[in-house]
C-alpha atoms as a PDB file:
ATOM      1  CA  MET A   1     107.734  89.900  76.107  1.00  0.00           C
ATOM      2  CA  GLN A   2     111.415  89.201  76.617  1.00  0.00           C
ATOM      3  CA  ASN A   3     112.027  93.237  76.233  1.00  0.00           C
ATOM      4  CA  ASP A   4     109.850  93.584  79.647  1.00  0.00           C
ATOM      5  CA  THR A   5     111.986  91.471  81.393  1.00  0.00           C
ATOM      6  CA  GLN A   6     114.923  93.681  80.237  1.00  0.00           C
ATOM      7  CA  HIS A   7     113.222  96.731  81.466  1.00  0.00           C
ATOM      8  CA  LEU A   8     112.830  94.966  84.829  1.00  0.00           C
ATOM      9  CA  LEU A   9     116.513  94.293  85.075  1.00  0.00           C
ATOM     10  CA  GLU A  10     117.784  97.551  84.178  1.00  0.00           C
ATOM     11  CA  ALA A  11     115.231  98.916  86.788  1.00  0.00           C
ATOM     12  CA  ALA A  12     116.655  96.610  89.469  1.00  0.00           C
ATOM     13  CA  ASN A  13     120.283  97.377  88.701  1.00  0.00           C
ATOM     14  CA  GLN A  14     119.550 101.066  89.421  1.00  0.00           C
ATOM     15  CA  ILE A  15     118.601 100.122  93.177  1.00  0.00           C
ATOM     16  CA  ILE A  16     121.125  97.040  93.610  1.00  0.00           C
ATOM     17  CA  LEU A  17     124.395  98.482  92.245  1.00  0.00           C
ATOM     18  CA  GLY A  18     127.099  96.347  90.735  1.00  0.00           C
ATOM     19  CA  LYS A  19     125.283  93.032  90.956  1.00  0.00           C
ATOM     20  CA  SER A  20     123.781  92.536  87.478  1.00  0.00           C
ATOM     21  CA  HIS A  21     124.642  88.932  87.082  1.00  0.00           C
ATOM     22  CA  LYS A  22     123.285  87.941  90.581  1.00  0.00           C
ATOM     23  CA  ILE A  23     119.999  90.108  89.825  1.00  0.00           C
ATOM     24  CA  ARG A  24     119.487  88.402  86.496  1.00  0.00           C
ATOM     25  CA  LEU A  25     119.971  84.956  88.250  1.00  0.00           C
ATOM     26  CA  ALA A  26     117.293  85.943  90.718  1.00  0.00           C
ATOM     27  CA  LEU A  27     114.627  86.705  88.181  1.00  0.00           C
ATOM     28  CA  CYS A  28     115.762  83.644  86.511  1.00  0.00           C
ATOM     29  CA  CYS A  29     114.929  81.456  89.318  1.00  0.00           C
ATOM     30  CA  LEU A  30     111.215  83.027  89.518  1.00  0.00           C
ATOM     31  CA  LEU A  31     110.910  82.469  85.908  1.00  0.00           C
ATOM     32  CA  ALA A  32     111.560  78.718  86.685  1.00  0.00           C
ATOM     33  CA  ARG A  33     109.102  78.807  89.359  1.00  0.00           C
ATOM     34  CA  GLY A  34     111.619  78.263  92.325  1.00  0.00           C
ATOM     35  CA  HIS A  35     112.179  79.329  95.762  1.00  0.00           C
ATOM     36  CA  LEU A  36     115.548  81.659  96.223  1.00  0.00           C
ATOM     37  CA  LEU A  37     118.132  81.569  99.133  1.00  0.00           C
ATOM     38  CA  ILE A  38     120.458  84.296  99.468  1.00  0.00           C
ATOM     39  CA  GLU A  39     123.184  83.679 102.127  1.00  0.00           C
ATOM     40  CA  ASP A  40     125.628  86.217 103.205  1.00  0.00           C
ATOM     41  CA  ILE A  41     126.617  88.649 105.760  1.00  0.00           C
ATOM     42  CA  PRO A  42     124.160  91.390 106.949  1.00  0.00           C
ATOM     43  CA  GLY A  43     123.841  94.518 105.240  1.00  0.00           C
ATOM     44  CA  VAL A  44     124.892  93.654 101.531  1.00  0.00           C
ATOM     45  CA  GLY A  45     121.496  94.020  99.903  1.00  0.00           C
ATOM     46  CA  LYS A  46     119.521  90.738 100.584  1.00  0.00           C
ATOM     47  CA  THR A  47     116.273  92.327 101.636  1.00  0.00           C
ATOM     48  CA  THR A  48     116.414  95.165  99.229  1.00  0.00           C
ATOM     49  CA  LEU A  49     116.878  92.883  96.354  1.00  0.00           C
ATOM     50  CA  ALA A  50     113.586  90.844  97.496  1.00  0.00           C
ATOM     51  CA  HIS A  51     111.718  94.057  97.983  1.00  0.00           C
ATOM     52  CA  THR A  52     112.816  95.328  94.540  1.00  0.00           C
ATOM     53  CA  LEU A  53     111.835  92.305  92.728  1.00  0.00           C
ATOM     54  CA  ALA A  54     108.428  92.306  94.577  1.00  0.00           C
ATOM     55  CA  LYS A  55     107.746  95.942  93.666  1.00  0.00           C
ATOM     56  CA  LEU A  56     108.958  95.503  90.104  1.00  0.00           C
ATOM     57  CA  LEU A  57     106.643  92.644  89.414  1.00  0.00           C
ATOM     58  CA  GLY A  58     103.516  93.917  91.458  1.00  0.00           C
ATOM     59  CA  LEU A  59     103.458  91.158  93.755  1.00  0.00           C
ATOM     60  CA  GLN A  60     101.830  91.143  97.150  1.00  0.00           C
ATOM     61  CA  TYR A  61     104.932  91.273  99.536  1.00  0.00           C
ATOM     62  CA  GLN A  62     105.409  90.156 102.944  1.00  0.00           C
ATOM     63  CA  ARG A  63     108.610  90.234 104.815  1.00  0.00           C
ATOM     64  CA  ILE A  64     108.664  87.493 107.841  1.00  0.00           C
ATOM     65  CA  GLN A  65     111.467  88.349 110.621  1.00  0.00           C
ATOM     66  CA  PHE A  66     112.781  84.891 111.815  1.00  0.00           C
ATOM     67  CA  THR A  67     113.994  84.662 115.314  1.00  0.00           C
ATOM     68  CA  SER A  68     114.329  81.749 117.888  1.00  0.00           C
ATOM     69  CA  ASP A  69     110.951  82.058 119.526  1.00  0.00           C
ATOM     70  CA  ILE A  70     108.955  82.175 116.328  1.00  0.00           C
ATOM     71  CA  LEU A  71     106.100  79.347 116.003  1.00  0.00           C
ATOM     72  CA  PRO A  72     104.679  77.728 112.914  1.00  0.00           C
ATOM     73  CA  ALA A  73     101.121  79.322 113.449  1.00  0.00           C
ATOM     74  CA  ASP A  74     103.308  82.978 113.136  1.00  0.00           C
ATOM     75  CA  ILE A  75     103.984  82.096 109.784  1.00  0.00           C
ATOM     76  CA  ILE A  76     100.864  80.244 108.472  1.00  0.00           C
ATOM     77  CA  GLY A  77      98.047  81.469 110.740  1.00  0.00           C
ATOM     78  CA  ALA A  78      95.816  79.879 113.098  1.00  0.00           C
ATOM     79  CA  SER A  79      92.109  78.986 113.826  1.00  0.00           C
ATOM     80  CA  ILE A  80      90.836  81.564 116.335  1.00  0.00           C
ATOM     81  CA  PHE A  81      87.524  80.972 118.238  1.00  0.00           C
ATOM     82  CA  ASP A  82      84.631  82.810 117.816  1.00  0.00           C
ATOM     83  CA  PRO A  83      82.580  82.862 121.168  1.00  0.00           C
ATOM     84  CA  LYS A  84      79.783  84.836 119.449  1.00  0.00           C
ATOM     85  CA  ASN A  85      79.188  82.084 116.764  1.00  0.00           C
ATOM     86  CA  LEU A  86      80.927  78.978 118.528  1.00  0.00           C
ATOM     87  CA  THR A  87      83.002  78.310 115.666  1.00  0.00           C
ATOM     88  CA  PHE A  88      86.588  78.325 114.621  1.00  0.00           C
ATOM     89  CA  THR A  89      87.792  80.906 112.139  1.00  0.00           C
ATOM     90  CA  PHE A  90      91.086  80.495 110.244  1.00  0.00           C
ATOM     91  CA  LEU A  91      93.129  83.679 110.224  1.00  0.00           C
ATOM     92  CA  PRO A  92      95.917  83.577 107.235  1.00  0.00           C
ATOM     93  CA  GLY A  93      99.213  84.137 108.459  1.00  0.00           C
ATOM     94  CA  PRO A  94     101.800  86.436 106.470  1.00  0.00           C
ATOM     95  CA  LEU A  95     102.836  83.572 104.310  1.00  0.00           C
ATOM     96  CA  PHE A  96      99.500  84.064 102.255  1.00  0.00           C
ATOM     97  CA  LYS A  97     101.232  86.483  99.827  1.00  0.00           C
ATOM     98  CA  GLN A  98     102.700  86.217  96.316  1.00  0.00           C
ATOM     99  CA  LEU A  99     106.495  86.992  97.444  1.00  0.00           C
ATOM    100  CA  VAL A 100     107.382  86.160 101.057  1.00  0.00           C
ATOM    101  CA  LEU A 101     110.787  87.062 102.439  1.00  0.00           C
ATOM    102  CA  ALA A 102     111.644  84.768 104.944  1.00  0.00           C
ATOM    103  CA  ASP A 103     114.482  86.949 106.537  1.00  0.00           C
ATOM    104  CA  GLU A 104     117.218  85.291 108.535  1.00  0.00           C
ATOM    105  CA  ILE A 105     115.828  81.895 108.013  1.00  0.00           C
ATOM    106  CA  ASN A 106     118.234  80.221 109.839  1.00  0.00           C
ATOM    107  CA  ARG A 107     117.758  82.070 113.144  1.00  0.00           C
ATOM    108  CA  ALA A 108     114.448  80.183 113.624  1.00  0.00           C
ATOM    109  CA  THR A 109     114.093  76.825 115.052  1.00  0.00           C
ATOM    110  CA  PRO A 110     113.977  73.815 112.653  1.00  0.00           C
ATOM    111  CA  LYS A 111     110.247  73.293 113.620  1.00  0.00           C
ATOM    112  CA  ALA A 112     109.560  76.798 112.390  1.00  0.00           C
ATOM    113  CA  GLN A 113     111.661  76.243 109.491  1.00  0.00           C
ATOM    114  CA  SER A 114     109.749  73.131 108.416  1.00  0.00           C
ATOM    115  CA  ALA A 115     106.468  74.649 108.433  1.00  0.00           C
ATOM    116  CA  LEU A 116     107.732  77.089 105.938  1.00  0.00           C
ATOM    117  CA  LEU A 117     109.683  74.587 103.647  1.00  0.00           C
ATOM    118  CA  GLU A 118     106.514  72.337 103.662  1.00  0.00           C
ATOM    119  CA  ALA A 119     104.273  75.164 102.465  1.00  0.00           C
ATOM    120  CA  MET A 120     106.979  76.152  99.671  1.00  0.00           C
ATOM    121  CA  GLU A 121     106.654  72.545  98.399  1.00  0.00           C
ATOM    122  CA  GLU A 122     103.116  71.944  98.545  1.00  0.00           C
ATOM    123  CA  GLN A 123     101.979  75.423  97.962  1.00  0.00           C
ATOM    124  CA  THR A 124      98.930  74.630 100.318  1.00  0.00           C
ATOM    125  CA  ILE A 125      98.685  74.871 103.965  1.00  0.00           C
ATOM    126  CA  SER A 126      96.727  72.430 105.988  1.00  0.00           C
ATOM    127  CA  VAL A 127      95.367  73.469 109.437  1.00  0.00           C
ATOM    128  CA  GLU A 128      93.010  71.364 111.602  1.00  0.00           C
ATOM    129  CA  GLY A 129      92.104  69.157 108.465  1.00  0.00           C
ATOM    130  CA  LYS A 130      91.356  71.756 106.320  1.00  0.00           C
ATOM    131  CA  THR A 131      93.432  72.856 103.123  1.00  0.00           C
ATOM    132  CA  TYR A 132      93.853  76.445 102.284  1.00  0.00           C
ATOM    133  CA  GLN A 133      95.750  77.166  98.539  1.00  0.00           C
ATOM    134  CA  LEU A 134      98.320  79.685  98.502  1.00  0.00           C
ATOM    135  CA  PRO A 135      98.368  82.402  96.069  1.00  0.00           C
ATOM    136  CA  GLU A 136      99.841  82.374  92.557  1.00  0.00           C
ATOM    137  CA  PRO A 137     102.246  83.109  91.691  1.00  0.00           C
ATOM    138  CA  PHE A 138     103.999  82.325  95.036  1.00  0.00           C
ATOM    139  CA  PHE A 139     107.610  82.613  95.905  1.00  0.00           C
ATOM    140  CA  VAL A 140     109.952  82.627  99.034  1.00  0.00           C
ATOM    141  CA  ILE A 141     113.173  84.397  98.989  1.00  0.00           C
ATOM    142  CA  ALA A 142     114.870  83.491 102.178  1.00  0.00           C
ATOM    143  CA  THR A 143     117.918  85.154 103.653  1.00  0.00           C
ATOM    144  CA  GLN A 144     120.429  83.143 105.472  1.00  0.00           C
ATOM    145  CA  ASN A 145     123.265  84.530 107.700  1.00  0.00           C
ATOM    146  CA  PRO A 146     126.704  82.518 107.531  1.00  0.00           C
ATOM    147  CA  SER A 147     126.386  79.471 109.729  1.00  0.00           C
ATOM    148  CA  HIS A 148     129.416  80.340 112.176  1.00  0.00           C
ATOM    149  CA  GLN A 149     127.539  83.340 113.118  1.00  0.00           C
ATOM    150  CA  ILE A 150     126.154  83.132 116.835  1.00  0.00           C
ATOM    151  CA  GLY A 151     122.363  82.042 117.148  1.00  0.00           C
ATOM    152  CA  THR A 152     121.835  79.931 113.775  1.00  0.00           C
ATOM    153  CA  PHE A 153     120.055  76.767 113.191  1.00  0.00           C
ATOM    154  CA  PRO A 154     121.628  75.424 109.615  1.00  0.00           C
ATOM    155  CA  LEU A 155     119.078  74.396 107.120  1.00  0.00           C
ATOM    156  CA  PRO A 156     119.623  70.341 106.576  1.00  0.00           C
ATOM    157  CA  GLU A 157     120.631  69.093 103.247  1.00  0.00           C
ATOM    158  CA  SER A 158     116.843  68.118 102.691  1.00  0.00           C
ATOM    159  CA  GLN A 159     115.392  71.385 103.196  1.00  0.00           C
ATOM    160  CA  LEU A 160     118.142  73.225 101.505  1.00  0.00           C
ATOM    161  CA  ASP A 161     117.215  71.033  98.351  1.00  0.00           C
ATOM    162  CA  ARG A 162     113.940  72.961  98.327  1.00  0.00           C
ATOM    163  CA  PHE A 163     115.366  75.875  97.303  1.00  0.00           C
ATOM    164  CA  LEU A 164     116.128  76.023  93.417  1.00  0.00           C
ATOM    165  CA  MET A 165     118.980  78.550  93.706  1.00  0.00           C
ATOM    166  CA  ARG A 166     121.551  79.908  96.567  1.00  0.00           C
ATOM    167  CA  LEU A 167     123.050  83.377  95.776  1.00  0.00           C
ATOM    168  CA  GLU A 168     125.958  85.250  97.217  1.00  0.00           C
ATOM    169  CA  LEU A 169     125.637  89.181  96.960  1.00  0.00           C
ATOM    170  CA  GLY A 170     129.100  89.880  98.435  1.00  0.00           C
ATOM    171  CA  TYR A 171     130.418  93.296  98.765  1.00  0.00           C
ATOM    172  CA  PRO A 172     129.886  96.007  96.102  1.00  0.00           C
ATOM    173  CA  ASN A 173     132.886  97.296  93.908  1.00  0.00           C
ATOM    174  CA  GLN A 174     134.385 100.543  94.706  1.00  0.00           C
ATOM    175  CA  GLU A 175     132.676 102.321  91.855  1.00  0.00           C
ATOM    176  CA  SER A 176     129.182 100.915  93.226  1.00  0.00           C
ATOM    177  CA  GLU A 177     129.885 101.448  96.628  1.00  0.00           C
ATOM    178  CA  ARG A 178     130.561 105.059  95.855  1.00  0.00           C
ATOM    179  CA  LEU A 179     127.462 105.712  93.889  1.00  0.00           C
ATOM    180  CA  LEU A 180     125.616 104.196  96.948  1.00  0.00           C
ATOM    181  CA  LEU A 181     127.143 106.281  99.077  1.00  0.00           C
ATOM    182  CA  GLN A 182     126.447 109.534  97.145  1.00  0.00           C
ATOM    183  CA  GLY A 183     122.968 108.177  96.012  1.00  0.00           C
ATOM    184  CA  GLN A 184     119.469 108.397  97.692  1.00  0.00           C
ATOM    185  CA  ASN A 185     118.318 106.048  99.979  1.00  0.00           C
ATOM    186  CA  ARG A 186     117.312 102.620  98.697  1.00  0.00           C
ATOM    187  CA  ARG A 187     114.182 102.488 100.634  1.00  0.00           C
ATOM    188  CA  SER A 188     112.998 105.443  98.960  1.00  0.00           C
ATOM    189  CA  LEU A 189     113.819 104.465  95.389  1.00  0.00           C
ATOM    190  CA  ILE A 190     112.009 101.152  95.548  1.00  0.00           C
ATOM    191  CA  ASN A 191     109.076 102.849  96.864  1.00  0.00           C
ATOM    192  CA  SER A 192     108.866 105.060  93.822  1.00  0.00           C
ATOM    193  CA  LEU A 193     109.850 101.973  91.264  1.00  0.00           C
ATOM    194  CA  PRO A 194     106.916 101.530  88.754  1.00  0.00           C
ATOM    195  CA  VAL A 195     105.730  97.708  88.108  1.00  0.00           C
ATOM    196  CA  LYS A 196     107.374  96.255  85.092  1.00  0.00           C
ATOM    197  CA  LEU A 197     105.510  93.066  84.828  1.00  0.00           C
ATOM    198  CA  THR A 198     102.340  92.312  86.071  1.00  0.00           C
ATOM    199  CA  PRO A 199     101.756  88.706  88.033  1.00  0.00           C
ATOM    200  CA  GLU A 200      99.324  87.986  85.077  1.00  0.00           C
ATOM    201  CA  GLN A 201     102.301  88.555  82.716  1.00  0.00           C
ATOM    202  CA  LEU A 202     104.835  86.552  85.130  1.00  0.00           C
ATOM    203  CA  LEU A 203     102.722  83.510  84.811  1.00  0.00           C
ATOM    204  CA  ILE A 204     102.582  83.496  80.824  1.00  0.00           C
ATOM    205  CA  MET A 205     106.258  83.979  81.106  1.00  0.00           C
ATOM    206  CA  GLN A 206     106.672  81.006  83.388  1.00  0.00           C
ATOM    207  CA  ASN A 207     104.540  78.858  80.689  1.00  0.00           C
ATOM    208  CA  LYS A 208     106.488  80.001  78.054  1.00  0.00           C
ATOM    209  CA  VAL A 209     109.933  78.930  79.917  1.00  0.00           C
ATOM    210  CA  SER A 210     108.578  75.378  80.498  1.00  0.00           C
ATOM    211  CA  GLU A 211     108.400  75.093  76.531  1.00  0.00           C
ATOM    212  CA  VAL A 212     111.660  76.235  76.009  1.00  0.00           C
ATOM    213  CA  TYR A 213     113.407  73.295  73.967  1.00  0.00           C
ATOM    214  CA  ALA A 214     116.310  71.100  75.320  1.00  0.00           C
ATOM    215  CA  SER A 215     117.818  68.777  72.714  1.00  0.00           C
ATOM    216  CA  ASN A 216     119.039  65.617  73.233  1.00  0.00           C
ATOM    217  CA  ALA A 217     122.753  66.772  73.117  1.00  0.00           C
ATOM    218  CA  VAL A 218     121.855  69.466  76.126  1.00  0.00           C
ATOM    219  CA  LEU A 219     120.181  66.582  78.194  1.00  0.00           C
ATOM    220  CA  ASP A 220     123.518  64.275  77.693  1.00  0.00           C
ATOM    221  CA  TYR A 221     125.303  67.252  78.884  1.00  0.00           C
ATOM    222  CA  CYS A 222     123.022  67.554  81.817  1.00  0.00           C
ATOM    223  CA  GLN A 223     122.938  63.819  82.955  1.00  0.00           C
ATOM    224  CA  ALA A 224     126.974  63.974  82.270  1.00  0.00           C
ATOM    225  CA  ILE A 225     127.171  66.614  84.947  1.00  0.00           C
ATOM    226  CA  ILE A 226     124.739  64.830  87.166  1.00  0.00           C
ATOM    227  CA  SER A 227     126.602  61.326  87.267  1.00  0.00           C
ATOM    228  CA  TYR A 228     130.104  63.317  87.725  1.00  0.00           C
ATOM    229  CA  THR A 229     128.612  64.627  90.693  1.00  0.00           C
ATOM    230  CA  ARG A 230     127.427  61.270  92.070  1.00  0.00           C
ATOM    231  CA  GLU A 231     130.791  59.422  90.734  1.00  0.00           C
ATOM    232  CA  SER A 232     133.490  62.109  91.659  1.00  0.00           C
ATOM    233  CA  SER A 233     135.771  61.856  95.051  1.00  0.00           C
ATOM    234  CA  ASP A 234     135.049  65.856  95.000  1.00  0.00           C
ATOM    235  CA  TYR A 235     131.707  65.499  96.669  1.00  0.00           C
ATOM    236  CA  GLN A 236     130.341  63.470  99.321  1.00  0.00           C
ATOM    237  CA  TYR A 237     127.028  62.993  97.371  1.00  0.00           C
ATOM    238  CA  GLY A 238     125.909  63.878  94.179  1.00  0.00           C
ATOM    239  CA  LEU A 239     122.927  65.986  92.581  1.00  0.00           C
ATOM    240  CA  SER A 240     119.621  64.275  93.050  1.00  0.00           C
ATOM    241  CA  PRO A 241     116.890  63.828  90.157  1.00  0.00           C
ATOM    242  CA  ARG A 242     115.037  66.865  91.738  1.00  0.00           C
ATOM    243  CA  ALA A 243     118.369  68.750  91.346  1.00  0.00           C
ATOM    244  CA  GLY A 244     118.642  67.710  87.997  1.00  0.00           C
ATOM    245  CA  LEU A 245     115.383  68.932  87.175  1.00  0.00           C
ATOM    246  CA  ALA A 246     115.933  72.156  88.744  1.00  0.00           C
ATOM    247  CA  LEU A 247     119.292  72.628  86.567  1.00  0.00           C
ATOM    248  CA  LEU A 248     117.332  71.933  83.496  1.00  0.00           C
ATOM    249  CA  ASN A 249     114.571  74.447  84.514  1.00  0.00           C
ATOM    250  CA  ALA A 250     116.905  77.179  85.385  1.00  0.00           C
ATOM    251  CA  ALA A 251     118.722  76.686  82.219  1.00  0.00           C
ATOM    252  CA  LYS A 252     115.714  77.101  79.982  1.00  0.00           C
ATOM    253  CA  ALA A 253     114.863  80.240  81.794  1.00  0.00           C
ATOM    254  CA  TRP A 254     118.298  81.874  81.195  1.00  0.00           C
ATOM    255  CA  ALA A 255     117.872  80.754  77.550  1.00  0.00           C
ATOM    256  CA  PHE A 256     114.291  82.580  77.974  1.00  0.00           C
ATOM    257  CA  LEU A 257     115.904  85.788  79.120  1.00  0.00           C
ATOM    258  CA  ASP A 258     118.473  85.526  75.968  1.00  0.00           C
ATOM    259  CA  LYS A 259     115.529  85.469  73.997  1.00  0.00           C
ATOM    260  CA  ARG A 260     116.198  81.845  72.680  1.00  0.00           C
ATOM    261  CA  ASP A 261     113.554  79.198  72.240  1.00  0.00           C
ATOM    262  CA  ALA A 262     116.259  76.381  72.926  1.00  0.00           C
ATOM    263  CA  VAL A 263     119.047  75.630  75.653  1.00  0.00           C
ATOM    264  CA  ILE A 264     122.203  75.381  74.883  1.00  0.00           C
ATOM    265  CA  PRO A 265     125.108  74.251  76.892  1.00  0.00           C
ATOM    266  CA  GLU A 266     126.372  77.682  78.082  1.00  0.00           C
ATOM    267  CA  ASP A 267     122.875  78.209  79.595  1.00  0.00           C
ATOM    268  CA  ILE A 268     123.460  75.111  81.631  1.00  0.00           C
ATOM    269  CA  GLN A 269     127.020  76.377  82.523  1.00  0.00           C
ATOM    270  CA  ALA A 270     125.451  79.932  83.648  1.00  0.00           C
ATOM    271  CA  VAL A 271     123.062  78.839  86.212  1.00  0.00           C
ATOM    272  CA  LEU A 272     124.914  75.518  87.629  1.00  0.00           C
ATOM    273  CA  ALA A 273     126.733  77.372  90.573  1.00  0.00           C
ATOM    274  CA  ALA A 274     123.692  78.730  91.711  1.00  0.00           C
ATOM    275  CA  VAL A 275     121.573  75.594  91.391  1.00  0.00           C
ATOM    276  CA  ALA A 276     124.251  72.968  92.676  1.00  0.00           C
ATOM    277  CA  GLY A 277     126.319  74.968  94.822  1.00  0.00           C
ATOM    278  CA  HIS A 278     124.213  74.518  97.796  1.00  0.00           C
ATOM    279  CA  ARG A 279     123.411  70.959  96.927  1.00  0.00           C
ATOM    280  CA  LEU A 280     126.960  69.892  96.514  1.00  0.00           C
ATOM    281  CA  LYS A 281     129.210  69.109  99.970  1.00  0.00           C
ATOM    282  CA  SER A 282     132.803  69.790  99.549  1.00  0.00           C
ATOM    283  CA  GLY A 283     135.754  71.276 101.418  1.00  0.00           C
ATOM    284  CA  ASN A 284     134.840  74.636  99.756  1.00  0.00           C
ATOM    285  CA  ASN A 285     131.579  76.690 100.504  1.00  0.00           C
ATOM    286  CA  ASP A 286     131.908  79.055  97.743  1.00  0.00           C
ATOM    287  CA  SER A 287     129.490  78.274  94.951  1.00  0.00           C
ATOM    288  CA  ALA A 288     131.863  78.890  91.831  1.00  0.00           C
ATOM    289  CA  ALA A 289     134.773  76.791  93.548  1.00  0.00           C
ATOM    290  CA  ILE A 290     132.363  73.746  94.246  1.00  0.00           C
ATOM    291  CA  VAL A 291     131.309  73.709  90.870  1.00  0.00           C
ATOM    292  CA  ALA A 292     134.665  74.597  89.119  1.00  0.00           C
ATOM    293  CA  PRO A 293     135.818  70.702  88.950  1.00  0.00           C
ATOM    294  CA  ILE A 294     132.611  69.860  87.084  1.00  0.00           C
ATOM    295  CA  LEU A 295     133.036  72.785  84.374  1.00  0.00           C
ATOM    296  CA  ALA A 296     136.819  71.685  83.948  1.00  0.00           C
ATOM    297  CA  LYS A 297     136.095  67.865  83.716  1.00  0.00           C
ATOM    298  CA  VAL A 298     132.655  67.357  82.032  1.00  0.00           C
ATOM    299  CA  ALA A 299     132.956  67.764  78.363  1.00  0.00           C
ATOM    300  CA  VAL A 300     130.062  69.693  76.527  1.00  0.00           C
ATOM    301  CA  GLN A 301     128.367  66.668  74.816  1.00  0.00           C
END
């Protein structure tokens, strides 16, 4: 089954050029049952990555463009009065898809952001006393513009923590950009992509990821990282228990993609920046720089 993921990664790399490590992290996030936040300037491929993954995984896909005037009902749906039957009927919103792209999430008001993030955590929606189950699998890929840009409402730390990973795509290298300029339109290429994994296969893989073994030595290393973030002056506050679980689950998914049934310390190191970078506050905004002291000072157990 890991061969299927390799074919998926190869296909995605034909669309998003020169970003193989970031694409692998994004797939790792989905395999670990997590939601993904992509923060970068406009035009570097954030939306393209989300659409590519949805197409290759055969998932129902919906893009929600967040603006300052969007309301919670625009996201989750609303009950509409039927005058013929004198009853209210719930009309599901765009959130009732398997993969939802929350585009420019930090351009929406905190009220709209909270409606989305609550659904992400519970995987259900409650409207007028009734609870509605979201589809399975269910993922949110949110994009976010840098906080210094005009018209943004930054996500608070408690809401950032709902995302298992945060990625920055960055500019392509010269070779990849030349291929991009010479190649076909990315949207046309995405529309022609075949499904490489079905949603049912993805659910099976998620269960297999949860079964990947983590030894006591690996757990010691994970705990040492968590303890360092809480005790070090490099950070204003440390990683939470939920962040520790996220780190371990992401490492298991990384090991699964490497066709291994056990986690090694290198798996934790591979996902650390994506998992911890948005959860730790220091004087730097770059995820790799944020976790650099951890990798330098915390010894492998």
